Amino acid sequence: MVSLTNILLHAFLWLALAATTFSLSPNFYEKFVHKERHMGASLLRLHFHNCFINGCDGSLLLDSTCSFETEKNAHGNLNFVRGFLVIDKIKAKVDRVCGRPVVSCADILVVAT
């Protein structure tokens, strides 16, 4: 199991690299909060629900398929946990800047929160 310290260290290093090399800034996440003032609290709640049971594994961020319902669409989370689109937008931008998927949604959630 990956420790929270390890996740935070990787997230910090990624953010530092992104801010200096790829022209992403630490303020990148603030635009979402500025656009919708409750988004900071929503991302914090999303982070809490993602990490509370089995650690920060990103399982809450997975989309359901026709044969498997994920936590994201579970009855207790519908219309309660929000901020998924913000994480998806950030992930898409990071992937585009890096040229391929490099950073997990779970790591992006930690840094955004």
Protein backbone atom coordinates (compact mmCIF):
# COMPACT_ATOMS: atom_id res chain seq x y z
CA MET A 1 0.00 0.00 0.00
CA VAL A 2 1.31 3.42 -0.88
CA SER A 3 1.72 5.77 2.06
CA LEU A 4 0.15 9.21 2.17
CA THR A 5 3.63 10.72 2.57
CA ASN A 6 4.75 9.04 -0.65
CA ILE A 7 1.68 10.31 -2.50
CA LEU A 8 2.13 13.85 -1.21
CA LEU A 9 5.84 13.81 -2.09
CA HIS A 10 5.11 12.67 -5.63
CA ALA A 11 2.31 15.21 -5.96
CA PHE A 12 4.58 18.02 -4.76
CA LEU A 13 7.39 16.99 -7.10
CA TRP A 14 4.95 16.72 -9.99
CA LEU A 15 3.53 20.15 -9.26
CA ALA A 16 6.99 21.68 -9.02
CA LEU A 17 7.99 20.07 -12.33
CA ALA A 18 4.77 21.11 -14.03
CA ALA A 19 5.04 24.69 -12.77
CA THR A 20 8.59 25.12 -14.05
CA THR A 21 8.74 22.96 -17.17
CA PHE A 22 5.27 22.77 -18.62
CA SER A 23 3.99 26.27 -17.88
CA LEU A 24 1.30 25.07 -15.50
CA SER A 25 1.16 27.18 -12.41
CA PRO A 26 0.12 26.42 -8.83
CA ASN A 27 -2.67 28.95 -9.45
CA PHE A 28 -4.12 26.75 -12.19
CA TYR A 29 -6.56 25.18 -9.71
CA GLU A 30 -7.68 28.56 -8.36
CA LYS A 31 -9.51 29.41 -11.58
CA PHE A 32 -12.02 26.64 -10.86
CA VAL A 33 -12.57 27.93 -7.33
CA HIS A 34 -12.85 31.50 -8.62
CA LYS A 35 -15.42 30.39 -11.21
CA GLU A 36 -17.51 28.58 -8.58
CA ARG A 37 -16.71 29.61 -5.01
CA HIS A 38 -17.88 26.34 -3.43
CA MET A 39 -15.57 24.22 -5.61
CA GLY A 40 -12.71 24.32 -3.07
CA ALA A 41 -14.95 22.73 -0.46
CA SER A 42 -16.29 20.27 -3.04
CA LEU A 43 -12.78 19.15 -3.97
CA LEU A 44 -11.89 18.77 -0.30
CA ARG A 45 -15.00 16.62 0.23
CA LEU A 46 -14.16 14.58 -2.90
CA HIS A 47 -10.63 14.04 -1.59
CA PHE A 48 -11.95 12.97 1.83
CA HIS A 49 -14.43 10.48 0.35
CA ASN A 50 -11.75 9.11 -1.98
CA CYS A 51 -9.23 8.53 0.84
CA PHE A 52 -11.47 7.61 3.78
CA ILE A 53 -11.99 3.85 3.30
CA ASN A 54 -9.06 2.25 1.47
CA GLY A 55 -6.62 5.10 1.09
CA CYS A 56 -6.16 7.56 -1.75
CA ASP A 57 -6.55 5.12 -4.61
CA GLY A 58 -8.66 7.18 -7.01
CA SER A 59 -11.48 4.61 -6.92
CA LEU A 60 -14.08 7.31 -6.37
CA LEU A 61 -13.00 8.90 -9.66
CA LEU A 62 -13.64 5.82 -11.84
CA ASP A 63 -16.58 5.86 -14.24
CA SER A 64 -19.08 3.00 -14.19
CA THR A 65 -19.37 0.56 -17.07
CA CYS A 66 -22.38 -1.44 -18.23
CA SER A 67 -21.21 -4.40 -16.13
CA PHE A 68 -19.79 -2.63 -13.06
CA GLU A 69 -21.08 0.22 -10.93
CA THR A 70 -18.36 2.28 -9.28
CA GLU A 71 -18.35 4.37 -6.13
CA LYS A 72 -18.79 7.50 -8.24
CA ASN A 73 -22.33 6.45 -9.15
CA ALA A 74 -23.20 4.71 -5.90
CA HIS A 75 -26.49 5.82 -4.36
CA GLY A 76 -24.79 7.54 -1.39
CA ASN A 77 -22.55 9.63 -3.65
CA LEU A 78 -25.01 10.73 -6.33
CA ASN A 79 -25.63 14.49 -6.11
CA PHE A 80 -23.53 14.56 -2.93
CA VAL A 81 -19.92 14.38 -4.04
CA ARG A 82 -19.00 16.78 -6.84
CA GLY A 83 -15.93 18.18 -8.56
CA PHE A 84 -15.37 15.25 -10.91
CA LEU A 85 -15.42 17.46 -14.02
CA VAL A 86 -12.76 19.75 -12.54
CA ILE A 87 -10.42 16.79 -12.00
CA ASP A 88 -11.19 15.52 -15.53
CA LYS A 89 -10.37 18.95 -17.03
CA ILE A 90 -7.12 19.23 -15.08
CA LYS A 91 -6.14 15.66 -16.04
CA ALA A 92 -6.82 16.37 -19.71
CA LYS A 93 -4.66 19.51 -19.61
CA VAL A 94 -1.79 17.74 -17.79
CA ASP A 95 -1.94 14.83 -20.26
CA ARG A 96 -1.92 17.26 -23.18
CA VAL A 97 1.04 19.22 -21.80
CA CYS A 98 2.99 16.06 -20.96
CA GLY A 99 2.15 14.44 -24.30
CA ARG A 100 0.73 11.31 -22.67
CA PRO A 101 -0.94 10.19 -19.43
CA VAL A 102 1.71 10.58 -16.73
CA VAL A 103 -0.10 11.65 -13.58
CA SER A 104 -3.01 9.76 -12.04
CA CYS A 105 -6.35 11.37 -11.25
CA ALA A 106 -5.78 10.46 -7.58
CA ASP A 107 -2.54 12.49 -7.56
CA ILE A 108 -4.23 15.41 -9.32
CA LEU A 109 -7.00 15.32 -6.72
CA VAL A 110 -4.43 15.50 -3.91
CA VAL A 111 -2.63 18.47 -5.47
CA ALA A 112 -5.87 20.28 -6.38
CA THR A 113 -7.19 19.83 -2.86
